[in-house]
N, C-alpha and C. Protein backbone atom coordinates (compact mmCIF):
# COMPACT_ATOMS: atom_id res chain seq x y z
N SER A 1 13.18 10.87 -9.90
CA SER A 1 14.55 10.91 -10.02
C SER A 1 15.73 9.64 -10.14
N ALA A 2 16.63 10.22 -10.67
CA ALA A 2 17.87 8.69 -11.31
C ALA A 2 17.97 7.97 -10.05
N PHE A 3 17.50 8.05 -8.63
CA PHE A 3 17.90 7.26 -8.01
C PHE A 3 16.17 6.20 -7.28
N SER A 4 15.80 6.55 -8.00
CA SER A 4 14.62 6.08 -7.26
C SER A 4 14.40 4.34 -8.17
N LEU A 5 13.00 4.27 -7.72
CA LEU A 5 12.50 2.79 -9.10
C LEU A 5 12.54 3.13 -10.26
N ASN A 6 13.02 2.29 -10.59
CA ASN A 6 12.05 2.32 -12.13
C ASN A 6 12.03 0.89 -12.79
N PHE A 7 10.63 1.21 -13.85
CA PHE A 7 9.11 0.77 -14.07
C PHE A 7 9.48 0.17 -15.07
N SER A 8 9.42 -1.48 -16.04
CA SER A 8 9.52 -0.83 -17.37
C SER A 8 8.59 -2.08 -17.28
N LYS A 9 8.88 -3.15 -18.29
CA LYS A 9 7.64 -4.28 -19.23
C LYS A 9 8.60 -5.55 -18.55
N ASN A 10 8.07 -6.19 -17.58
CA ASN A 10 9.63 -7.36 -17.32
C ASN A 10 9.35 -8.11 -19.14
N PRO A 11 10.63 -8.92 -19.21
CA PRO A 11 10.46 -9.44 -20.85
C PRO A 11 9.83 -10.67 -20.59
N ASN A 12 9.49 -11.10 -19.97
CA ASN A 12 9.35 -12.53 -20.31
C ASN A 12 6.81 -12.26 -20.17
N GLU A 13 6.50 -11.32 -20.45
CA GLU A 13 5.18 -10.87 -20.10
C GLU A 13 4.26 -12.41 -21.07
N ALA A 14 3.42 -12.80 -19.93
CA ALA A 14 2.72 -13.53 -21.02
C ALA A 14 1.02 -12.29 -21.76
N ALA A 15 0.32 -13.01 -22.71
CA ALA A 15 -0.78 -12.35 -23.40
C ALA A 15 -1.64 -12.00 -22.07
N ASP A 16 -1.79 -12.35 -21.54
CA ASP A 16 -3.05 -12.06 -20.56
C ASP A 16 -2.88 -11.13 -19.06
N GLU A 17 -1.14 -10.79 -19.13
CA GLU A 17 -0.47 -10.26 -17.94
C GLU A 17 -0.02 -9.29 -18.55
N ASN A 18 -0.24 -7.50 -18.16
CA ASN A 18 0.76 -7.01 -17.70
C ASN A 18 1.64 -6.99 -16.51
N ALA A 19 3.24 -7.77 -17.12
CA ALA A 19 4.55 -8.01 -15.54
C ALA A 19 5.06 -6.64 -16.19
N ILE A 20 5.30 -6.18 -14.90
CA ILE A 20 6.11 -4.80 -14.16
C ILE A 20 6.98 -5.44 -13.75
N ARG A 21 8.04 -5.09 -14.16
CA ARG A 21 9.93 -4.63 -13.25
C ARG A 21 9.80 -3.75 -12.78
N ALA A 22 10.48 -3.49 -11.01
CA ALA A 22 10.86 -2.25 -10.68
C ALA A 22 12.20 -2.32 -9.89
N SER A 23 12.79 -2.05 -10.48
CA SER A 23 14.36 -1.90 -9.82
C SER A 23 14.67 -1.03 -9.35
N GLY A 24 16.28 -0.84 -8.65
CA GLY A 24 16.58 0.32 -7.57
C GLY A 24 16.39 0.17 -6.23
N ASN A 25 16.09 1.79 -6.16
CA ASN A 25 16.26 2.23 -4.82
C ASN A 25 15.12 2.96 -4.70
N ILE A 26 14.36 2.14 -3.72
CA ILE A 26 13.04 3.19 -3.63
C ILE A 26 12.90 4.08 -2.15
N GLU A 27 12.21 5.26 -3.85
CA GLU A 27 12.44 6.56 -2.41
C GLU A 27 10.61 6.89 -1.89
N LEU A 28 10.27 8.08 -1.68
CA LEU A 28 9.46 8.64 -1.09
C LEU A 28 8.07 8.82 -2.09
N ASP A 29 8.58 9.38 -3.20
CA ASP A 29 7.50 10.03 -4.34
C ASP A 29 7.34 8.27 -5.39
N ASP A 30 7.72 7.38 -4.75
CA ASP A 30 7.41 6.03 -6.62
C ASP A 30 6.57 5.89 -6.57
N ALA A 31 5.67 5.72 -5.34
CA ALA A 31 4.08 5.41 -5.31
C ALA A 31 3.00 6.36 -6.74
N PHE A 32 3.39 7.29 -6.43
CA PHE A 32 2.80 8.21 -6.62
C PHE A 32 3.99 8.05 -8.75
N ARG A 33 4.82 7.85 -9.33
CA ARG A 33 5.58 7.15 -10.30
C ARG A 33 5.21 6.19 -10.11
N PHE A 34 5.39 5.24 -9.63
CA PHE A 34 4.54 3.84 -10.13
C PHE A 34 2.12 3.91 -10.66
N GLN A 35 1.97 5.53 -9.77
CA GLN A 35 0.62 5.21 -10.64
C GLN A 35 0.58 5.86 -11.33
N THR A 36 1.50 6.41 -11.70
CA THR A 36 1.24 7.16 -13.25
C THR A 36 1.77 6.12 -14.44
N TYR A 37 2.58 5.02 -14.13
CA TYR A 37 3.20 3.98 -14.55
C TYR A 37 1.89 2.79 -14.94
N LEU A 38 1.98 2.72 -13.95
CA LEU A 38 0.06 1.52 -14.22
C LEU A 38 -1.20 2.81 -15.34
N SER A 39 -1.36 3.83 -15.19
CA SER A 39 -2.36 4.11 -15.26
C SER A 39 -2.40 3.85 -16.95
N LYS A 40 -1.12 3.67 -18.01
CA LYS A 40 -0.72 3.98 -19.03
C LYS A 40 -1.20 2.87 -19.82
N LEU A 41 -0.81 1.49 -18.88
CA LEU A 41 -0.92 0.34 -19.34
C LEU A 41 -2.61 -0.29 -19.42
N PRO A 42 -2.45 -0.58 -20.43
CA PRO A 42 -3.62 -2.18 -21.48
C PRO A 42 -4.43 -2.55 -20.15
N GLN A 43 -5.86 -2.72 -19.77
CA GLN A 43 -6.44 -3.48 -19.87
C GLN A 43 -6.03 -4.54 -19.52
N LYS A 44 -5.36 -6.14 -18.60
CA LYS A 44 -5.49 -7.25 -18.53
C LYS A 44 -5.45 -7.57 -16.92
N PRO A 45 -5.89 -9.04 -17.72
CA PRO A 45 -6.66 -9.48 -16.24
C PRO A 45 -5.59 -9.93 -15.01
N LEU A 46 -4.75 -10.20 -15.94
CA LEU A 46 -2.96 -9.94 -13.92
C LEU A 46 -2.35 -8.67 -14.69
N THR A 47 -1.30 -9.13 -13.04
CA THR A 47 -1.15 -7.51 -13.20
C THR A 47 0.39 -7.87 -12.33
N SER A 48 1.19 -8.37 -12.75
CA SER A 48 2.91 -8.99 -12.03
C SER A 48 3.41 -8.08 -11.36
N LEU A 49 4.55 -8.09 -10.65
CA LEU A 49 5.51 -6.71 -10.11
C LEU A 49 6.47 -7.40 -9.82
N TYR A 50 7.25 -7.30 -10.71
CA TYR A 50 9.00 -8.50 -10.13
C TYR A 50 9.38 -7.00 -9.68
N LEU A 51 10.46 -7.91 -8.60
CA LEU A 51 11.01 -6.46 -8.21
C LEU A 51 12.53 -6.34 -8.18
N ASP A 52 13.95 -6.28 -7.86
CA ASP A 52 15.09 -5.76 -8.00
C ASP A 52 15.58 -4.93 -7.30
N SER A 53 15.35 -4.94 -6.04
CA SER A 53 15.84 -3.70 -5.19
C SER A 53 16.76 -4.00 -3.65
N THR A 54 17.62 -3.30 -3.48
CA THR A 54 18.39 -3.42 -2.27
C THR A 54 17.68 -2.60 -0.98
N GLY A 55 16.58 -1.76 -0.90
CA GLY A 55 15.26 -1.28 -0.88
C GLY A 55 15.99 0.52 -1.06
N GLY A 56 15.85 1.29 0.48
CA GLY A 56 15.74 2.18 0.23
C GLY A 56 14.64 3.07 1.32
N SER A 57 13.30 4.06 0.98
CA SER A 57 12.41 4.91 2.30
C SER A 57 11.52 4.04 2.57
N ILE A 58 11.30 3.06 3.34
CA ILE A 58 10.27 2.39 3.81
C ILE A 58 9.21 3.38 4.03
N GLN A 59 9.50 4.81 4.58
CA GLN A 59 7.82 5.61 3.86
C GLN A 59 7.41 4.98 2.35
N GLY A 60 8.29 5.16 1.54
CA GLY A 60 8.30 5.19 -0.23
C GLY A 60 7.69 3.60 -0.37
N ALA A 61 8.62 2.98 0.61
CA ALA A 61 7.96 1.47 0.18
C ALA A 61 6.69 0.79 0.98
N MET A 62 6.20 1.81 1.72
CA MET A 62 4.74 1.27 2.22
C MET A 62 3.72 2.18 1.41
N ALA A 63 3.97 3.29 0.64
CA ALA A 63 3.34 3.78 0.38
C ALA A 63 2.82 3.10 -1.90
N VAL A 64 4.12 3.04 -2.11
CA VAL A 64 4.16 1.64 -3.44
C VAL A 64 3.31 0.64 -3.21
N GLY A 65 3.54 -0.38 -1.67
CA GLY A 65 3.05 -1.53 -1.25
C GLY A 65 1.62 -1.32 -1.36
N ARG A 66 1.08 0.37 -0.94
CA ARG A 66 -0.35 0.29 -0.90
C ARG A 66 -1.04 0.30 -1.52
N VAL A 67 -0.36 0.69 -3.51
CA VAL A 67 -0.94 1.25 -4.24
C VAL A 67 -1.08 -0.80 -4.80
N VAL A 68 -0.03 -1.50 -4.79
CA VAL A 68 0.31 -3.04 -5.45
C VAL A 68 -0.96 -3.05 -3.94
N TYR A 69 -1.52 -3.56 -3.34
CA TYR A 69 -2.44 -4.02 -1.90
C TYR A 69 -3.81 -3.34 -2.45
N GLN A 70 -4.42 -2.68 -2.86
CA GLN A 70 -5.23 -1.85 -3.60
C GLN A 70 -5.43 -2.73 -4.92
N VAL A 71 -4.53 -2.45 -6.02
CA VAL A 71 -5.26 -2.58 -6.84
C VAL A 71 -4.61 -4.26 -6.58
N LYS A 72 -4.47 -4.63 -6.55
CA LYS A 72 -4.18 -6.41 -6.38
C LYS A 72 -3.55 -6.89 -8.03
N ILE A 73 -1.81 -7.04 -7.11
CA ILE A 73 -1.25 -6.69 -8.34
C ILE A 73 -0.36 -8.07 -7.50
N ARG A 74 0.19 -8.94 -7.80
CA ARG A 74 0.48 -10.21 -7.14
C ARG A 74 2.31 -10.45 -7.48
N THR A 75 2.87 -10.08 -6.90
CA THR A 75 4.64 -9.95 -6.49
C THR A 75 5.21 -10.84 -5.83
N PHE A 76 6.66 -10.69 -7.36
CA PHE A 76 7.68 -11.74 -7.38
C PHE A 76 8.69 -11.34 -7.51
N VAL A 77 9.84 -12.47 -6.87
CA VAL A 77 11.20 -11.83 -6.71
C VAL A 77 11.59 -13.28 -7.06
N THR A 78 11.67 -13.54 -8.66
CA THR A 78 11.57 -14.15 -9.32
C THR A 78 13.23 -14.46 -10.66
N SER A 79 13.24 -13.57 -10.79
CA SER A 79 13.70 -13.20 -11.90
C SER A 79 16.07 -13.59 -11.67
N PRO A 80 16.70 -13.96 -12.20
CA PRO A 80 17.52 -14.70 -11.44
C PRO A 80 18.90 -13.16 -11.27
N SER A 81 19.29 -13.46 -10.34
CA SER A 81 20.04 -12.52 -8.97
C SER A 81 19.10 -11.74 -9.01
N ALA A 82 18.03 -11.56 -8.51
CA ALA A 82 17.56 -10.46 -8.37
C ALA A 82 17.09 -10.86 -6.65
N LYS A 83 17.11 -9.66 -6.66
CA LYS A 83 16.77 -9.39 -4.73
C LYS A 83 15.47 -8.58 -3.99
N CYS A 84 15.48 -9.30 -2.69
CA CYS A 84 14.66 -7.84 -2.45
C CYS A 84 14.54 -7.51 -1.27
N ASN A 85 15.41 -6.50 -0.89
CA ASN A 85 16.13 -6.93 1.16
C ASN A 85 15.21 -5.10 1.17
N SER A 86 15.02 -5.31 2.62
CA SER A 86 15.33 -4.16 3.78
C SER A 86 13.96 -3.38 3.09
N ALA A 87 13.34 -2.29 2.70
CA ALA A 87 12.26 -1.68 2.43
C ALA A 87 11.74 -1.96 1.65
N CYS A 88 12.29 -2.43 0.45
CA CYS A 88 11.56 -3.54 -0.45
C CYS A 88 10.56 -4.86 0.10
N THR A 89 11.19 -5.80 1.42
CA THR A 89 10.59 -6.18 1.17
C THR A 89 8.60 -6.02 1.49
N ASN A 90 8.28 -4.50 1.95
CA ASN A 90 7.75 -4.02 2.24
C ASN A 90 6.22 -4.19 1.04
N ILE A 91 7.12 -3.18 -0.17
CA ILE A 91 5.95 -3.37 -1.17
C ILE A 91 5.98 -5.20 -2.22
N PHE A 92 6.42 -5.96 -1.95
CA PHE A 92 7.24 -7.51 -1.94
C PHE A 92 5.79 -8.36 -0.86
N LEU A 93 5.26 -7.66 -0.16
CA LEU A 93 4.41 -8.46 0.87
C LEU A 93 3.22 -7.85 1.07
N ALA A 94 2.95 -6.67 0.95
CA ALA A 94 2.24 -6.83 -0.19
C ALA A 94 1.12 -7.16 -1.53
N GLY A 95 1.49 -7.75 -1.99
CA GLY A 95 0.73 -8.50 -3.24
C GLY A 95 0.43 -9.75 -2.92
N ARG A 96 -1.24 -9.38 -3.78
CA ARG A 96 -1.93 -10.34 -3.57
C ARG A 96 -2.90 -10.71 -5.41
N ASP A 97 -3.71 -11.59 -4.84
CA ASP A 97 -4.08 -12.22 -5.97
C ASP A 97 -5.54 -11.37 -5.96
N ARG A 98 -5.86 -10.80 -7.67
CA ARG A 98 -6.48 -9.95 -8.07
C ARG A 98 -8.50 -11.08 -8.43
N GLU A 99 -8.83 -12.37 -8.27
CA GLU A 99 -9.90 -12.98 -7.86
C GLU A 99 -9.93 -13.25 -6.83
N SER A 100 -8.98 -13.75 -5.73
CA SER A 100 -9.25 -14.27 -4.60
C SER A 100 -8.94 -12.77 -3.44
N GLY A 101 -8.47 -12.37 -3.78
CA GLY A 101 -7.81 -10.92 -2.92
C GLY A 101 -6.52 -11.42 -1.51
N LYS A 102 -6.96 -12.56 -2.08
CA LYS A 102 -6.23 -12.89 -1.25
C LYS A 102 -4.76 -12.83 -1.47
N PRO A 103 -3.36 -13.05 -0.04
CA PRO A 103 -2.54 -13.20 -0.33
C PRO A 103 -1.31 -13.69 -1.39
N TYR A 104 -0.33 -13.04 -2.74
CA TYR A 104 0.35 -13.78 -3.54
C TYR A 104 1.03 -12.98 -3.91
N ARG A 105 2.08 -13.83 -2.84
CA ARG A 105 3.90 -14.17 -3.31
C ARG A 105 4.53 -14.92 -3.57
N VAL A 106 5.94 -13.93 -4.90
CA VAL A 106 6.44 -15.79 -4.26
C VAL A 106 7.94 -14.97 -5.01
N LYS A 107 8.79 -16.01 -4.24
CA LYS A 107 9.73 -15.66 -3.96
C LYS A 107 10.67 -16.74 -5.09
N GLY A 108 11.70 -16.42 -5.54
CA GLY A 108 12.85 -17.61 -6.15
C GLY A 108 13.40 -18.21 -5.42
N SER A 109 13.31 -19.80 -4.70
CA SER A 109 13.76 -20.69 -4.21
C SER A 109 15.82 -20.54 -4.56
N ALA A 110 16.35 -19.62 -5.63
CA ALA A 110 17.38 -19.40 -5.82
C ALA A 110 17.85 -17.66 -5.50
N ASN A 111 16.51 -16.86 -4.85
CA ASN A 111 16.40 -15.46 -4.63
C ASN A 111 16.40 -15.39 -3.10
N GLY A 112 17.23 -13.94 -3.47
CA GLY A 112 17.35 -13.40 -1.54
C GLY A 112 16.02 -12.48 -1.23
N LEU A 113 15.11 -12.46 -0.07
CA LEU A 113 14.78 -11.67 0.91
C LEU A 113 14.97 -11.74 1.84
N GLY A 114 15.07 -10.07 1.96
CA GLY A 114 15.82 -10.43 3.37
C GLY A 114 15.44 -8.47 4.36
N PHE A 115 15.59 -9.17 5.43
CA PHE A 115 14.67 -8.23 6.18
C PHE A 115 16.06 -8.05 6.91
N HIS A 116 15.80 -6.67 7.96
CA HIS A 116 16.77 -6.30 8.59
C HIS A 116 15.90 -4.75 9.38
N ASN A 117 16.55 -4.88 10.50
CA ASN A 117 16.64 -2.98 11.28
C ASN A 117 16.50 -2.12 10.20
N PHE A 118 15.83 -1.42 10.96
CA PHE A 118 15.97 -0.02 9.87
C PHE A 118 16.46 1.28 11.20
N VAL A 119 17.71 1.76 10.12
CA VAL A 119 18.34 2.59 10.92
C VAL A 119 17.99 3.90 10.63
N PRO A 120 17.57 4.60 11.51
CA PRO A 120 17.31 5.55 12.02
C PRO A 120 18.84 6.86 10.72
N VAL A 121 18.33 7.64 10.58
CA VAL A 121 19.38 8.55 10.26
C VAL A 121 19.43 9.30 11.43
N LEU A 122 21.16 9.61 11.77
CA LEU A 122 21.93 10.72 12.62
C LEU A 122 22.50 11.56 12.16
N GLN A 123 22.37 12.35 12.42
CA GLN A 123 23.26 13.78 12.63
C GLN A 123 24.64 13.30 13.22
N ASP A 124 25.93 13.40 12.75
CA ASP A 124 26.99 13.27 13.15
C ASP A 124 26.79 14.84 13.36
N LYS A 125 26.96 15.06 14.60
CA LYS A 125 26.82 15.71 16.43
C LYS A 125 27.32 15.12 17.73
N PRO A 126 26.40 15.72 18.16
CA PRO A 126 26.82 15.71 20.18
C PRO A 126 25.51 15.66 20.04
N TYR A 127 24.42 14.69 20.62
CA TYR A 127 23.17 14.36 21.09
C TYR A 127 22.53 14.84 22.50
N THR A 128 21.73 16.04 23.00
CA THR A 128 20.97 15.89 23.74
C THR A 128 20.26 15.32 24.27
N ALA A 129 19.86 15.48 25.36
CA ALA A 129 18.56 14.06 25.97
C ALA A 129 17.61 14.25 25.17
N LYS A 130 17.06 15.42 24.78
CA LYS A 130 16.13 15.72 23.38
C LYS A 130 16.40 15.76 22.40
N ASP A 131 17.76 15.93 22.46
CA ASP A 131 17.93 15.41 20.68
C ASP A 131 18.08 13.54 20.15
N ALA A 132 17.51 12.94 21.87
CA ALA A 132 17.89 11.49 22.20
C ALA A 132 16.33 10.69 21.85
N ALA A 133 15.67 11.87 22.82
CA ALA A 133 14.40 11.65 23.08
C ALA A 133 13.42 11.60 21.44
N SER A 134 13.81 12.72 20.86
CA SER A 134 13.33 13.07 19.69
C SER A 134 13.44 11.34 18.89
N VAL A 135 14.91 11.04 18.47
CA VAL A 135 14.96 9.59 18.25
C VAL A 135 14.41 8.49 18.28
N MET A 136 14.63 8.57 18.88
CA MET A 136 13.59 7.80 19.88
C MET A 136 12.30 7.60 19.68
N ALA A 137 11.29 9.18 19.46
CA ALA A 137 10.05 8.77 19.07
C ALA A 137 10.39 8.50 17.97
N ARG A 138 10.95 8.92 17.14
CA ARG A 138 11.03 8.24 15.69
C ARG A 138 11.20 6.94 14.91
N ALA A 139 11.73 7.54 15.88
CA ALA A 139 11.83 5.40 16.18
C ALA A 139 10.48 4.16 16.19
N GLN A 140 10.60 5.01 17.25
CA GLN A 140 8.68 4.41 17.26
C GLN A 140 8.14 4.08 17.26
N ASN A 141 7.87 5.76 16.29
CA ASN A 141 6.49 5.89 15.57
C ASN A 141 7.05 5.01 13.91
N THR A 142 8.03 4.70 13.57
CA THR A 142 8.01 4.23 12.63
C THR A 142 7.93 2.53 13.26
N ILE A 143 7.85 2.37 14.08
CA ILE A 143 7.48 0.62 14.51
C ILE A 143 6.02 0.54 14.18
N PHE A 144 5.16 1.53 14.86
CA PHE A 144 4.00 1.69 15.31
C PHE A 144 3.20 1.89 13.35
N GLU A 145 3.48 2.62 12.40
CA GLU A 145 3.76 2.60 11.44
C GLU A 145 3.07 1.12 10.36
N LEU A 146 4.87 0.63 10.91
CA LEU A 146 5.07 -0.83 9.76
C LEU A 146 4.36 -1.89 11.10
N ALA A 147 3.99 -1.68 11.84
CA ALA A 147 2.69 -3.25 12.75
C ALA A 147 1.59 -2.81 12.63
N ASN A 148 1.02 -1.13 11.90
CA ASN A 148 -0.44 -0.75 11.52
C ASN A 148 -0.58 -1.69 8.81
N TYR A 149 0.28 -0.86 8.67
CA TYR A 149 0.83 -1.39 7.75
C TYR A 149 0.80 -2.39 7.54
N PHE A 150 1.88 -3.69 8.39
CA PHE A 150 1.74 -4.82 7.77
C PHE A 150 0.53 -5.86 8.39
N GLN A 151 0.26 -4.72 9.11
CA GLN A 151 -1.57 -6.14 9.08
C GLN A 151 -3.16 -5.10 8.12
N GLU A 152 -2.66 -3.82 7.85
CA GLU A 152 -3.23 -3.81 6.84
C GLU A 152 -3.00 -4.46 4.99
N ILE A 153 -2.11 -4.99 5.31
CA ILE A 153 -1.33 -5.65 3.49
C ILE A 153 -1.50 -7.80 3.58
N ASP A 154 -2.43 -8.24 5.25
CA ASP A 154 -2.74 -9.48 5.75
C ASP A 154 -0.76 -10.30 5.44
N ALA A 155 0.27 -9.26 5.70
CA ALA A 155 1.30 -9.71 6.89
C ALA A 155 1.58 -10.11 7.81
N ASP A 156 1.94 -11.02 8.26
CA ASP A 156 2.56 -11.71 9.11
C ASP A 156 2.92 -11.26 10.07
N LEU A 157 3.11 -11.16 11.37
CA LEU A 157 3.76 -9.63 11.61
C LEU A 157 5.44 -10.59 12.33
N GLU A 158 4.98 -11.43 12.83
CA GLU A 158 6.44 -12.16 12.62
C GLU A 158 7.47 -11.84 11.94
N LEU A 159 6.89 -11.64 10.45
CA LEU A 159 7.98 -10.95 9.90
C LEU A 159 8.85 -9.10 9.92
N LEU A 160 7.95 -8.68 10.79
CA LEU A 160 7.92 -6.99 10.93
C LEU A 160 9.61 -8.00 12.31
N GLY A 161 9.04 -8.45 13.21
CA GLY A 161 9.99 -9.08 14.10
C GLY A 161 10.81 -9.69 14.24
N LEU A 162 10.71 -10.44 12.82
CA LEU A 162 12.58 -11.08 12.31
C LEU A 162 13.45 -9.58 11.88
N GLY A 163 12.91 -9.17 11.29
CA GLY A 163 13.59 -8.14 10.60
C GLY A 163 13.73 -7.04 11.85
N LEU A 164 13.20 -6.52 12.80
CA LEU A 164 13.57 -5.71 13.84
C LEU A 164 14.45 -6.32 14.72
N THR A 165 14.84 -7.87 14.82
CA THR A 165 15.59 -8.08 16.27
C THR A 165 16.97 -8.98 15.12
N GLN A 166 17.12 -8.46 13.33
CA GLN A 166 18.26 -8.57 13.48
C GLN A 166 18.99 -7.04 13.25
N LYS A 167 20.57 -7.54 13.54
CA LYS A 167 21.29 -6.04 13.56
C LYS A 167 22.62 -6.50 12.38
N ASP A 168 21.90 -7.20 11.41
CA ASP A 168 22.86 -7.45 10.56
C ASP A 168 21.33 -8.37 9.86
N ILE A 169 21.92 -8.37 8.12
CA ILE A 169 20.07 -8.41 6.90
C ILE A 169 20.19 -10.38 7.60
N TYR A 170 18.92 -10.46 7.28
CA TYR A 170 18.21 -12.01 7.21
C TYR A 170 17.86 -12.79 6.27
N PHE A 171 17.98 -13.55 5.60
CA PHE A 171 17.47 -14.03 4.01
C PHE A 171 16.36 -14.81 5.11
N LEU A 172 15.89 -15.28 4.48
CA LEU A 172 14.48 -15.84 4.75
C LEU A 172 14.24 -17.06 4.03
N GLN A 173 15.37 -18.24 4.98
CA GLN A 173 14.67 -19.25 4.37
C GLN A 173 13.32 -19.81 3.17
N ASN A 174 14.27 -20.67 2.65
CA ASN A 174 12.37 -21.28 1.64
C ASN A 174 11.42 -21.74 2.52
N GLU A 175 12.07 -22.61 3.39
CA GLU A 175 10.66 -23.15 4.14
C GLU A 175 10.26 -22.05 4.89
N ASP A 176 10.71 -20.85 5.65
CA ASP A 176 9.92 -20.27 6.53
C ASP A 176 9.53 -19.93 5.68
N ALA A 177 9.31 -19.39 4.64
CA ALA A 177 8.33 -18.81 3.25
C ALA A 177 7.44 -19.33 3.03
N LEU A 178 7.34 -20.39 3.55
CA LEU A 178 6.43 -21.44 3.11
C LEU A 178 5.50 -21.57 4.45
N ARG A 179 6.18 -21.29 5.41
CA ARG A 179 5.73 -21.10 6.49
C ARG A 179 4.05 -19.81 6.46
N TYR A 180 4.94 -18.41 6.22
CA TYR A 180 4.27 -17.67 6.20
C TYR A 180 3.72 -17.37 5.50
N GLY A 181 3.17 -17.88 4.31
CA GLY A 181 2.18 -17.91 3.15
C GLY A 181 2.81 -17.16 1.57
N ILE A 182 4.01 -17.17 2.08
CA ILE A 182 5.04 -16.60 0.47
C ILE A 182 4.54 -17.98 -0.77
N HIS A 183 5.23 -18.60 -1.31
CA HIS A 183 4.84 -19.25 -2.44
C HIS A 183 6.93 -18.71 -3.11
N VAL A 184 7.25 -20.21 -3.63
CA VAL A 184 8.70 -20.58 -3.76
C VAL A 184 8.20 -21.52 -4.93
N LEU A 185 8.89 -20.33 -6.01
CA LEU A 185 9.36 -21.32 -6.67
C LEU A 185 10.66 -21.93 -7.01
N ASP A 186 10.73 -22.62 -7.07
CA ASP A 186 12.25 -24.11 -7.45
C ASP A 186 12.77 -23.58 -8.55
N ALA A 187 13.80 -23.27 -9.14
CA ALA A 187 14.36 -22.97 -9.49
C ALA A 187 15.12 -23.46 -10.94
N GLN A 188 14.92 -24.80 -9.97
CA GLN A 188 15.70 -26.40 -10.90
C GLN A 188 14.06 -26.69 -11.54
N THR A 189 13.40 -26.49 -11.09
CA THR A 189 11.37 -27.22 -11.44
C THR A 189 11.12 -26.07 -12.75
N ASN A 190 11.21 -25.20 -11.79
CA ASN A 190 10.34 -23.68 -12.49
C ASN A 190 9.14 -24.61 -12.36
N GLU A 191 8.43 -24.72 -11.30
CA GLU A 191 7.27 -25.24 -10.17
C GLU A 191 6.89 -24.72 -9.27
N LEU A 192 5.33 -23.89 -8.11
CA LEU A 192 5.91 -23.18 -7.94
C LEU A 192 5.54 -24.51 -6.58
């Protein structure tokens, strides 16, 4: 759709790398679109995904993240003014190295990586006790799905807790990123 993630070649692609830029809103069908994009790329030793998104569908982000994790794609939020907020962090945290299989996630020192609590979609209507119970059950199921997903992609569950306890967006500080196994690229020296 016009509002889904847009996949394109990242301008600073190395000769041995497929560098992909993903920008825009995350939609439910983006994993299929991402797999289609990947299938058309030439075979190279490295694949890197450069993210710039304020979020979108949690389920869509987890689906894209599973592709990233299975294919062993490194993830980056390093392009000037790029950000990765909300559901986008679920894709970012799935990044891993093709050779070692270990997590490989890079945050630029000047870039935002923002976590916050998900917001259930509510209709503007009076809610009965049954309606409220249904909303609560969906919220609990989403938390359960996220916890399982974080374990699946080898992401620290503390990061999930950071998001779930925030009313407003929480931007991960560089020193905290390092503590959670996220590389930080210094914007001034261009060194990890």
